[in-house]
């Protein structure tokens, strides 16, 4: 029996327990999550995801255009149609503009950069990034001149290798990386730079290589799996690739600090150092660690996604040779063979633009957009999603929805050509996301894709390697990025 003398010793803990139970029960009642599959204790649905696009499409048919998965005691809500994604990221964009606190992100970025931060720091950094990159050519003629200059180096390298078939991955990574490097680091790297090429190969292995790439998504949404033997090596290789880039950027920053001239801004790093000096002594979002991870984010986001899309485009040319010749004839009729294709030619190259647009739709490199998080409680499509809920926008569902596209499984560039023969892009093709978190480098990426792709086709016929078979265009590696299986081809100069 509890005496009156020590009753108070038990009273406060009991009240605390009851209060906790009341708050927990109230929150559980207030949260009305969408339906979703059951999983296993502790790990939830993680072991059953496999190929995420196939799994999410299958779950969408069963549960509707928004469903929830429980993974390691964390709810992940998946908007699984264009309308659901648009409502979340645009109509209610501020509520869905957070980033989930998962180990793969925060351990490797320390919450810095431009991809992971949220709230005031992200808004300040995004505004600075947009203004700074515009000064160095984003969306202007200077940007096109920079890309064309790099295209020239690529075409020379392809000519040097034109007698042999080879895997184009490294060259395509090199050109897209060099473009962003010139804007951020103020320098480019030769195609024979062994250290730079090794860094690119390590990065590509982590995101899209057949083994490591497939396991990247598991590590992302179920970070506890990094302790499993089969995933420990994958995790460490990804960390190693990331650290190589970080080390490369840190060296560049030190060189910039030693040669900094406040009257001559060379690139993004100089702009950021200037901002650091202007805010010195103040509690600002501009420090050297933030600069490191900002440049790393720009490098990864501006190189690997573009180069992977170009690999899909090359495989499309190999898979559909008649389409390649149609593109070439269109380019010749508009541009000829003696000058570079430029952005001003786009309106006169409707079929070529349609092919690129169909590659972005059909072979989407980021089928599940970078995860979001709700920053506040929000009513969403008949459900009540509490703050802190993780969100996976599955843009593949929009790209392959029969309501949006006739026979979406088929690769048909002519679906974007209207009756007048003009190219009409579809709003349902959204590889660069929507809303406040829309990709910062979208204009640069689309310019690169057009200029690199068209100038390759103008100068070379891309032909298969006679000594190896082509991978299936309709199959790929679903990892950090959706990438084609490895292939070799020859770039045969046009006569």
Protein backbone atom coordinates (compact mmCIF):
# COMPACT_ATOMS: atom_id res chain seq x y z
CA UNK A 1 0.00 0.00 0.00
CA UNK A 2 1.19 3.50 -0.84
CA UNK A 3 1.19 5.77 2.22
CA UNK A 4 0.07 9.33 2.13
CA UNK A 5 3.64 10.39 2.89
CA UNK A 6 5.11 9.02 -0.33
CA UNK A 7 2.02 9.32 -2.56
CA UNK A 8 3.44 12.45 -4.14
CA UNK A 9 6.52 10.46 -5.25
CA UNK A 10 4.24 8.40 -7.51
CA UNK A 11 1.79 11.11 -8.49
CA UNK A 12 4.04 13.19 -10.76
CA UNK A 13 5.35 10.22 -12.83
CA UNK A 14 1.78 8.96 -13.27
CA UNK A 15 0.63 12.37 -14.45
CA UNK A 16 3.57 12.55 -16.85
CA UNK A 17 2.78 9.12 -18.31
CA UNK A 18 -0.90 9.97 -18.70
CA UNK A 19 -0.04 13.29 -20.35
CA UNK A 20 2.31 11.56 -22.80
CA UNK A 21 -0.33 8.97 -23.67
CA UNK A 22 -2.92 11.71 -24.19
CA UNK A 23 -0.63 13.73 -26.48
CA UNK A 24 0.41 10.62 -28.44
CA UNK A 25 -3.18 9.45 -28.81
CA UNK A 26 -4.35 12.93 -29.82
CA UNK A 27 -1.63 13.18 -32.47
CA UNK A 28 -2.44 9.71 -33.76
CA UNK A 29 -6.12 10.61 -33.99
CA UNK A 30 -5.38 13.96 -35.68
CA UNK A 31 -3.13 12.33 -38.31
CA UNK A 32 -5.18 10.79 -41.10
CA UNK A 33 -2.62 9.11 -43.32
CA UNK A 34 -3.53 7.68 -46.72
CA UNK A 35 -3.79 3.90 -47.05
CA UNK A 36 -0.72 1.82 -47.71
CA UNK A 37 0.90 -1.58 -47.46
CA UNK A 38 1.76 -3.39 -44.27
CA UNK A 39 5.37 -4.18 -43.47
CA UNK A 40 7.50 -6.05 -40.98
CA UNK A 41 8.24 -5.01 -37.40
CA UNK A 42 11.01 -2.41 -37.07
CA UNK A 43 12.08 -2.37 -40.76
CA UNK A 44 8.57 -1.75 -42.10
CA UNK A 45 8.12 -1.98 -45.87
CA UNK A 46 11.82 -1.48 -46.74
CA UNK A 47 12.55 -5.13 -47.70
CA UNK A 48 9.72 -5.13 -50.26
CA UNK A 49 10.54 -2.00 -52.28
CA UNK A 50 12.96 -3.55 -54.78
CA UNK A 51 12.64 -1.58 -58.03
CA UNK A 52 10.99 1.56 -56.62
CA UNK A 53 9.21 2.67 -59.80
CA UNK A 54 7.60 -0.73 -60.39
CA UNK A 55 6.68 -1.00 -56.71
CA UNK A 56 5.17 2.49 -56.51
CA UNK A 57 3.20 2.00 -59.73
CA UNK A 58 1.83 -1.29 -58.39
CA UNK A 59 0.95 0.25 -55.02
CA UNK A 60 -0.66 3.20 -56.80
CA UNK A 61 -3.02 0.86 -58.65
CA UNK A 62 -4.05 -0.68 -55.34
CA UNK A 63 -4.19 2.35 -53.02
CA UNK A 64 -4.69 5.34 -55.32
CA UNK A 65 -2.59 8.36 -56.29
CA UNK A 66 -1.30 8.90 -52.76
CA UNK A 67 -0.27 6.19 -50.32
CA UNK A 68 1.96 5.75 -47.29
CA UNK A 69 4.76 3.33 -46.45
CA UNK A 70 6.13 2.78 -42.97
CA UNK A 71 9.90 2.36 -43.03
CA UNK A 72 11.85 1.98 -39.79
CA UNK A 73 8.96 3.55 -37.84
CA UNK A 74 8.86 6.57 -40.15
CA UNK A 75 5.92 7.39 -42.42
CA UNK A 76 6.84 8.07 -46.07
CA UNK A 77 3.94 9.50 -48.08
CA UNK A 78 4.15 8.97 -51.86
CA UNK A 79 2.23 11.35 -54.16
CA UNK A 80 1.85 9.10 -57.19
CA UNK A 81 0.27 11.16 -59.99
CA UNK A 82 0.80 14.50 -61.66
CA UNK A 83 -2.17 16.06 -59.86
CA UNK A 84 -1.06 14.81 -56.45
CA UNK A 85 2.56 15.93 -56.95
CA UNK A 86 1.49 19.32 -58.31
CA UNK A 87 -0.87 19.89 -55.38
CA UNK A 88 1.86 19.03 -52.88
CA UNK A 89 4.82 20.87 -54.42
CA UNK A 90 3.09 23.85 -56.02
CA UNK A 91 -0.34 24.54 -54.53
CA UNK A 92 0.91 23.68 -51.05
CA UNK A 93 4.57 24.14 -51.84
CA UNK A 94 5.54 26.01 -48.67
CA UNK A 95 4.09 23.28 -46.46
CA UNK A 96 5.96 20.56 -48.41
CA UNK A 97 9.26 22.44 -48.87
CA UNK A 98 11.24 20.72 -46.11
CA UNK A 99 13.88 18.04 -46.43
CA UNK A 100 13.81 14.79 -44.41
CA UNK A 101 16.48 14.30 -41.79
CA UNK A 102 17.98 11.05 -43.05
CA UNK A 103 21.51 9.87 -42.41
CA UNK A 104 22.60 9.70 -46.05
CA UNK A 105 21.87 13.38 -46.46
CA UNK A 106 22.85 14.97 -43.18
CA UNK A 107 25.96 12.90 -42.44
CA UNK A 108 27.39 13.71 -45.85
CA UNK A 109 26.34 17.37 -46.01
CA UNK A 110 26.17 18.39 -42.33
CA UNK A 111 22.90 20.08 -43.26
CA UNK A 112 24.75 22.52 -45.54
CA UNK A 113 24.67 23.23 -49.27
CA UNK A 114 21.57 23.99 -51.34
CA UNK A 115 19.80 20.62 -51.59
CA UNK A 116 19.32 19.77 -47.88
CA UNK A 117 18.81 23.06 -45.95
CA UNK A 118 15.30 24.34 -45.35
CA UNK A 119 13.67 27.43 -43.92
CA UNK A 120 15.40 30.85 -43.86
CA UNK A 121 18.90 29.53 -44.61
CA UNK A 122 17.71 27.73 -47.75
CA UNK A 123 15.79 30.78 -48.97
CA UNK A 124 18.83 33.02 -48.51
CA UNK A 125 21.14 30.54 -50.24
CA UNK A 126 18.76 29.96 -53.14
CA UNK A 127 18.39 33.71 -53.76
CA UNK A 128 22.17 34.16 -53.65
CA UNK A 129 22.73 31.19 -55.97
CA UNK A 130 20.24 32.39 -58.58
CA UNK A 131 21.67 35.92 -58.63
CA UNK A 132 25.31 34.78 -58.63
CA UNK A 133 24.94 32.16 -61.35
CA UNK A 134 23.01 34.60 -63.54
CA UNK A 135 26.03 36.90 -63.40
CA UNK A 136 28.11 34.04 -64.75
CA UNK A 137 25.85 33.21 -67.63
CA UNK A 138 22.84 31.20 -66.41
CA UNK A 139 20.11 31.80 -68.99
CA UNK A 140 22.22 34.23 -71.03
CA UNK A 141 24.40 34.22 -74.12
CA UNK A 142 27.50 33.77 -71.97
CA UNK A 143 26.12 30.40 -70.83
CA UNK A 144 25.70 29.26 -74.43
CA UNK A 145 29.22 30.38 -75.33
CA UNK A 146 30.61 28.39 -72.42
CA UNK A 147 28.70 25.25 -73.40
CA UNK A 148 29.67 25.57 -77.08
CA UNK A 149 33.31 25.98 -76.07
CA UNK A 150 33.14 22.70 -74.14
CA UNK A 151 31.29 21.04 -77.01
CA UNK A 152 34.27 21.89 -79.20
CA UNK A 153 36.62 20.05 -76.83
CA UNK A 154 34.26 17.05 -76.79
CA UNK A 155 33.99 16.88 -80.58
CA UNK A 156 37.80 16.96 -80.87
CA UNK A 157 38.07 14.09 -78.40
CA UNK A 158 35.42 12.08 -80.24
CA UNK A 159 37.34 12.62 -83.50
CA UNK A 160 40.52 11.35 -81.84
CA UNK A 161 38.70 8.18 -80.75
CA UNK A 162 36.53 7.73 -83.84
CA UNK A 163 38.22 4.53 -85.05
CA UNK A 164 37.30 2.52 -81.96
CA UNK A 165 34.16 1.71 -80.01
CA UNK A 166 34.18 2.70 -76.33
CA UNK A 167 31.92 3.39 -73.38
CA UNK A 168 30.93 7.10 -73.69
CA UNK A 169 30.11 7.51 -69.99
CA UNK A 170 33.39 9.13 -69.00
CA UNK A 171 33.45 11.67 -71.86
CA UNK A 172 29.84 12.68 -71.26
CA UNK A 173 30.53 13.07 -67.52
CA UNK A 174 33.60 15.13 -68.32
CA UNK A 175 31.84 17.69 -70.51
CA UNK A 176 28.90 18.26 -68.16
CA UNK A 177 31.26 18.45 -65.15
CA UNK A 178 33.60 20.88 -66.88
CA UNK A 179 30.74 23.26 -67.65
CA UNK A 180 29.68 23.51 -64.01
CA UNK A 181 33.32 23.59 -62.89
CA UNK A 182 33.99 26.67 -65.00
CA UNK A 183 31.01 28.45 -63.45
CA UNK A 184 31.85 27.48 -59.87
CA UNK A 185 35.61 26.82 -59.74
CA UNK A 186 36.69 28.99 -62.67
CA UNK A 187 38.60 26.17 -64.38
CA UNK A 188 38.22 23.14 -66.65
CA UNK A 189 39.99 19.77 -66.67
CA UNK A 190 41.43 17.93 -69.64
CA UNK A 191 40.03 14.62 -70.81
CA UNK A 192 43.37 13.05 -69.82
CA UNK A 193 43.26 14.37 -66.22
CA UNK A 194 43.50 11.03 -64.37
CA UNK A 195 42.59 12.40 -60.93
CA UNK A 196 39.52 14.23 -62.20
CA UNK A 197 38.37 11.22 -64.24
CA UNK A 198 38.77 8.90 -61.27
CA UNK A 199 36.57 11.22 -59.20
CA UNK A 200 33.90 11.14 -61.92
CA UNK A 201 34.03 7.34 -62.15
CA UNK A 202 33.66 6.97 -58.39
CA UNK A 203 30.65 9.29 -58.42
CA UNK A 204 29.05 7.46 -61.32
CA UNK A 205 29.60 4.11 -59.61
CA UNK A 206 27.81 5.29 -56.48
CA UNK A 207 24.73 6.61 -58.26
CA UNK A 208 24.19 4.45 -61.30
CA UNK A 209 26.50 1.41 -61.41
CA UNK A 210 24.61 -1.86 -61.58
CA UNK A 211 25.42 -3.06 -58.04
CA UNK A 212 26.00 0.06 -55.94
CA UNK A 213 23.39 2.12 -57.76
CA UNK A 214 20.63 -0.39 -57.08
CA UNK A 215 21.35 -0.30 -53.34
CA UNK A 216 21.57 3.51 -53.06
CA UNK A 217 17.82 3.94 -52.55
CA UNK A 218 17.81 1.33 -49.79
CA UNK A 219 20.50 3.30 -47.95
CA UNK A 220 18.59 6.52 -48.51
CA UNK A 221 15.22 5.55 -47.06
CA UNK A 222 16.42 2.89 -44.60
CA UNK A 223 19.76 4.24 -43.35
CA UNK A 224 20.10 1.56 -40.66
CA UNK A 225 20.86 -0.94 -43.45
CA UNK A 226 24.34 0.58 -43.84
CA UNK A 227 25.43 -1.67 -40.98
CA UNK A 228 24.52 -4.81 -42.94
CA UNK A 229 27.58 -6.51 -44.51
CA UNK A 230 26.22 -6.34 -48.07
CA UNK A 231 25.57 -2.58 -47.79
CA UNK A 232 28.52 -1.50 -45.66
CA UNK A 233 30.87 -1.56 -48.67
CA UNK A 234 28.36 0.30 -50.86
CA UNK A 235 27.97 2.97 -48.19
CA UNK A 236 31.72 3.42 -47.77
CA UNK A 237 32.27 3.67 -51.52
CA UNK A 238 29.65 6.41 -51.69
CA UNK A 239 31.28 8.25 -48.77
CA UNK A 240 34.66 7.90 -50.49
CA UNK A 241 33.31 9.34 -53.76
CA UNK A 242 31.72 12.22 -51.90
CA UNK A 243 34.89 12.92 -49.90
CA UNK A 244 36.96 13.03 -53.10
CA UNK A 245 34.71 15.78 -54.45
CA UNK A 246 34.79 17.63 -51.12
CA UNK A 247 38.58 17.48 -51.06
CA UNK A 248 38.75 18.74 -54.64
CA UNK A 249 36.48 21.67 -53.84
CA UNK A 250 38.40 22.57 -50.65
CA UNK A 251 41.64 22.81 -52.63
CA UNK A 252 39.94 25.10 -55.16
CA UNK A 253 38.57 27.32 -52.37
CA UNK A 254 42.03 27.69 -50.80
CA UNK A 255 43.45 28.71 -54.17
CA UNK A 256 40.67 31.27 -54.55
CA UNK A 257 41.28 32.69 -51.08
CA UNK A 258 44.99 33.14 -51.86
CA UNK A 259 44.30 34.96 -55.14
CA UNK A 260 41.06 36.74 -54.23
CA UNK A 261 40.55 40.19 -55.77
CA UNK A 262 37.40 42.01 -54.58
CA UNK A 263 37.39 44.05 -57.79
CA UNK A 264 37.40 41.02 -60.11
CA UNK A 265 34.84 38.27 -59.57
CA UNK A 266 35.95 35.17 -61.48
CA UNK A 267 33.26 32.66 -60.54
CA UNK A 268 30.76 31.44 -57.94
CA UNK A 269 33.43 30.82 -55.28
CA UNK A 270 34.67 34.42 -55.54
CA UNK A 271 31.09 35.69 -55.22
CA UNK A 272 30.56 33.60 -52.10
CA UNK A 273 33.88 34.70 -50.54
CA UNK A 274 32.85 38.30 -51.17
CA UNK A 275 29.55 37.65 -49.40
CA UNK A 276 31.41 36.04 -46.49
CA UNK A 277 33.59 39.11 -46.09
CA UNK A 278 30.54 41.41 -46.25
CA UNK A 279 28.91 39.42 -43.44
CA UNK A 280 32.06 38.94 -41.35
CA UNK A 281 31.28 39.24 -37.65
CA UNK A 282 27.56 38.78 -38.22
CA UNK A 283 25.50 35.69 -37.58
CA UNK A 284 24.89 34.86 -41.23
CA UNK A 285 24.37 31.80 -43.39
CA UNK A 286 27.62 32.43 -45.26
CA UNK A 287 30.62 30.49 -44.01
CA UNK A 288 33.32 28.38 -45.60
CA UNK A 289 31.69 25.06 -44.75
CA UNK A 290 28.47 26.20 -46.42
CA UNK A 291 30.51 27.20 -49.49
CA UNK A 292 32.12 23.75 -49.72
CA UNK A 293 28.83 21.88 -49.67
CA UNK A 294 27.09 24.41 -51.93
CA UNK A 295 29.70 23.88 -54.65
CA UNK A 296 29.55 20.10 -54.14
CA UNK A 297 25.77 20.17 -54.60
CA UNK A 298 26.09 22.25 -57.76
CA UNK A 299 28.77 19.89 -59.07
CA UNK A 300 26.81 16.67 -58.44
CA UNK A 301 23.47 18.13 -59.52
CA UNK A 302 24.94 19.78 -62.60
CA UNK A 303 27.05 16.94 -63.88
CA UNK A 304 25.85 13.40 -63.18
CA UNK A 305 22.18 13.99 -63.99
CA UNK A 306 22.99 15.65 -67.32
CA UNK A 307 25.59 13.10 -68.34
CA UNK A 308 23.25 10.20 -67.47
CA UNK A 309 20.49 11.75 -69.61
CA UNK A 310 23.00 12.08 -72.47
CA UNK A 311 23.89 8.39 -72.09
CA UNK A 312 20.20 7.54 -72.50
CA UNK A 313 20.07 9.82 -75.54
CA UNK A 314 23.05 8.03 -77.12
CA UNK A 315 21.44 4.66 -76.44
CA UNK A 316 18.24 5.94 -78.08
CA UNK A 317 20.20 6.79 -81.23
CA UNK A 318 21.69 3.31 -81.26
CA UNK A 319 18.33 1.64 -80.65
CA UNK A 320 16.42 3.70 -83.23
CA UNK A 321 18.83 4.38 -86.14
CA UNK A 322 16.07 5.71 -88.41
CA UNK A 323 15.32 8.33 -85.78
CA UNK A 324 18.99 9.32 -85.73
CA UNK A 325 18.99 9.91 -89.47
CA UNK A 326 15.80 11.96 -89.25
CA UNK A 327 17.43 14.18 -86.62
CA UNK A 328 20.53 14.56 -88.80
CA UNK A 329 18.51 15.53 -91.86
CA UNK A 330 16.56 18.11 -89.86
CA UNK A 331 19.77 19.63 -88.49
CA UNK A 332 21.35 19.75 -91.95
CA UNK A 333 18.29 21.43 -93.45
CA UNK A 334 18.33 24.19 -90.83
CA UNK A 335 21.95 24.59 -89.75
CA UNK A 336 24.03 22.87 -92.40
CA UNK A 337 27.30 21.16 -91.51
CA UNK A 338 29.72 24.10 -91.19
CA UNK A 339 28.66 25.84 -87.99
CA UNK A 340 27.69 24.76 -84.50
CA UNK A 341 24.04 24.23 -83.70
CA UNK A 342 22.97 27.03 -81.34
CA UNK A 343 20.04 27.71 -79.04
CA UNK A 344 18.50 30.08 -81.59
CA UNK A 345 17.97 27.04 -83.84
CA UNK A 346 15.64 25.28 -81.38
CA UNK A 347 12.38 26.58 -82.81
CA UNK A 348 13.40 25.30 -86.24
CA UNK A 349 14.28 21.82 -84.99
CA UNK A 350 10.94 20.49 -83.69
CA UNK A 351 11.65 16.79 -84.15
CA UNK A 352 15.05 17.03 -82.47
CA UNK A 353 13.49 18.85 -79.49
CA UNK A 354 10.76 16.21 -79.34
CA UNK A 355 13.33 13.43 -79.14
CA UNK A 356 15.11 15.12 -76.22
CA UNK A 357 11.77 15.71 -74.50
CA UNK A 358 10.78 12.08 -74.96
CA UNK A 359 14.12 10.94 -73.49
CA UNK A 360 13.43 13.14 -70.45
CA UNK A 361 9.98 11.58 -70.13
CA UNK A 362 10.58 7.95 -70.98
CA UNK A 363 14.05 7.52 -69.46
CA UNK A 364 13.67 9.95 -66.56
CA UNK A 365 16.95 10.02 -64.62
CA UNK A 366 15.34 10.94 -61.27
CA UNK A 367 12.05 8.99 -61.26
CA UNK A 368 11.47 9.78 -57.61
CA UNK A 369 12.26 13.42 -56.98
CA UNK A 370 14.54 14.39 -54.11
CA UNK A 371 12.50 13.61 -50.94
CA UNK A 372 10.59 16.40 -49.26
CA UNK A 373 9.21 16.87 -45.76
CA UNK A 374 6.13 18.63 -44.44
CA UNK A 375 7.05 21.73 -42.42
CA UNK A 376 3.59 22.00 -40.87
CA UNK A 377 0.42 19.99 -40.44
CA UNK A 378 -1.37 20.01 -43.79
CA UNK A 379 -4.65 18.74 -45.23
CA UNK A 380 -3.82 16.93 -48.44
CA UNK A 381 -6.25 15.17 -50.78
CA UNK A 382 -8.62 14.20 -47.99
CA UNK A 383 -5.92 13.23 -45.50
CA UNK A 384 -4.28 15.09 -42.63
CA UNK A 385 -0.48 14.86 -42.86
CA UNK A 386 1.38 15.96 -39.71
CA UNK A 387 4.48 18.15 -39.76
CA UNK A 388 7.71 16.22 -40.13
CA UNK A 389 6.28 13.58 -42.48
CA UNK A 390 8.66 12.43 -45.22
CA UNK A 391 7.44 12.77 -48.83
CA UNK A 392 8.60 10.90 -51.98
CA UNK A 393 7.16 12.61 -55.11
CA UNK A 394 7.08 9.85 -57.74
CA UNK A 395 7.28 11.79 -61.01
CA UNK A 396 7.58 8.55 -63.03
CA UNK A 397 3.86 8.07 -62.37
CA UNK A 398 3.10 11.26 -64.33
CA UNK A 399 5.43 10.29 -67.18
CA UNK A 400 3.75 6.91 -67.62
CA UNK A 401 0.13 7.77 -66.87
CA UNK A 402 -2.20 6.75 -69.76
CA UNK A 403 -4.34 9.77 -68.87
CA UNK A 404 -1.39 12.01 -69.77
CA UNK A 405 0.12 10.08 -72.69
CA UNK A 406 -1.25 7.67 -75.27
CA UNK A 407 0.63 4.36 -75.03
CA UNK A 408 3.12 5.75 -72.50
CA UNK A 409 5.32 2.62 -72.54
CA UNK A 410 6.28 3.30 -76.15
CA UNK A 411 9.13 5.65 -77.05
CA UNK A 412 7.37 8.06 -79.45
CA UNK A 413 8.94 11.50 -79.94
CA UNK A 414 6.23 12.51 -82.43
CA UNK A 415 3.73 12.71 -79.56
CA UNK A 416 5.06 16.24 -78.94
CA UNK A 417 4.59 17.46 -82.53
CA UNK A 418 1.31 19.29 -83.21
CA UNK A 419 -0.67 19.48 -86.45
CA UNK A 420 1.37 22.46 -87.62
CA UNK A 421 4.62 20.54 -87.18
CA UNK A 422 5.69 22.52 -84.09
CA UNK A 423 7.25 21.09 -80.96
CA UNK A 424 4.86 21.41 -77.98
CA UNK A 425 6.37 20.35 -74.64
CA UNK A 426 4.08 18.60 -72.19
CA UNK A 427 3.48 20.00 -68.69
CA UNK A 428 3.26 16.37 -67.50
CA UNK A 429 6.98 15.92 -68.22
CA UNK A 430 8.65 17.34 -65.13
CA UNK A 431 12.14 15.90 -64.56
CA UNK A 432 13.28 19.11 -62.82
CA UNK A 433 10.52 19.05 -60.18
CA UNK A 434 7.97 21.76 -59.33
CA UNK A 435 7.44 24.59 -56.91
CA UNK A 436 9.88 26.24 -54.51
CA UNK A 437 12.32 23.31 -54.72
CA UNK A 438 12.45 23.27 -58.52
CA UNK A 439 15.96 22.52 -59.81
CA UNK A 440 18.24 25.56 -59.66
CA UNK A 441 20.15 24.51 -62.78
CA UNK A 442 17.23 23.64 -65.08
CA UNK A 443 18.07 26.26 -67.72
CA UNK A 444 21.69 25.18 -67.87
CA UNK A 445 20.77 21.49 -68.03
CA UNK A 446 18.28 21.93 -70.88
CA UNK A 447 20.76 24.08 -72.82
CA UNK A 448 23.50 21.47 -72.34
CA UNK A 449 21.30 18.59 -73.46
CA UNK A 450 20.26 20.39 -76.63
CA UNK A 451 23.68 21.74 -77.60
CA UNK A 452 25.68 18.59 -76.83
CA UNK A 453 23.16 16.20 -78.39
CA UNK A 454 22.62 18.17 -81.61
CA UNK A 455 26.27 18.93 -82.26
CA UNK A 456 27.23 15.28 -81.77
CA UNK A 457 24.58 14.13 -84.27
CA UNK A 458 25.60 16.86 -86.73
CA UNK A 459 29.25 15.70 -86.78
CA UNK A 460 29.02 11.96 -86.04
CA UNK A 461 26.90 8.92 -86.75
CA UNK A 462 26.60 6.96 -83.52
CA UNK A 463 26.87 3.25 -84.37
CA UNK A 464 26.88 0.10 -82.20
CA UNK A 465 30.02 -1.79 -81.25
CA UNK A 466 30.06 -4.89 -83.51
CA UNK A 467 31.82 -6.88 -80.77
CA UNK A 468 29.25 -6.38 -78.03
CA UNK A 469 25.47 -6.35 -77.76
CA UNK A 470 23.43 -3.29 -76.88
CA UNK A 471 21.52 -3.27 -73.58
CA UNK A 472 17.74 -3.08 -73.66
CA UNK A 473 16.71 0.57 -74.03
CA UNK A 474 13.59 -0.15 -71.96
CA UNK A 475 15.59 -1.46 -69.00
CA UNK A 476 17.92 0.43 -66.70
CA UNK A 477 19.57 0.59 -63.28
CA UNK A 478 17.33 2.21 -60.66
CA UNK A 479 19.72 3.66 -58.09
CA UNK A 480 20.50 7.21 -57.05
CA UNK A 481 19.80 7.89 -60.71
CA UNK A 482 17.99 5.83 -63.34
CA UNK A 483 20.83 4.98 -65.70
CA UNK A 484 21.29 2.73 -68.74
CA UNK A 485 23.31 -0.43 -68.46
CA UNK A 486 26.86 -0.07 -69.73
CA UNK A 487 27.34 -0.08 -73.49
CA UNK A 488 29.97 0.68 -76.10
CA UNK A 489 29.53 2.58 -79.35
CA UNK A 490 31.55 4.22 -82.07
CA UNK A 491 31.28 7.86 -83.12
CA UNK A 492 31.79 7.67 -86.87
CA UNK A 493 32.56 11.04 -88.53
CA UNK A 494 29.95 12.19 -91.06
CA UNK A 495 31.22 12.29 -94.61
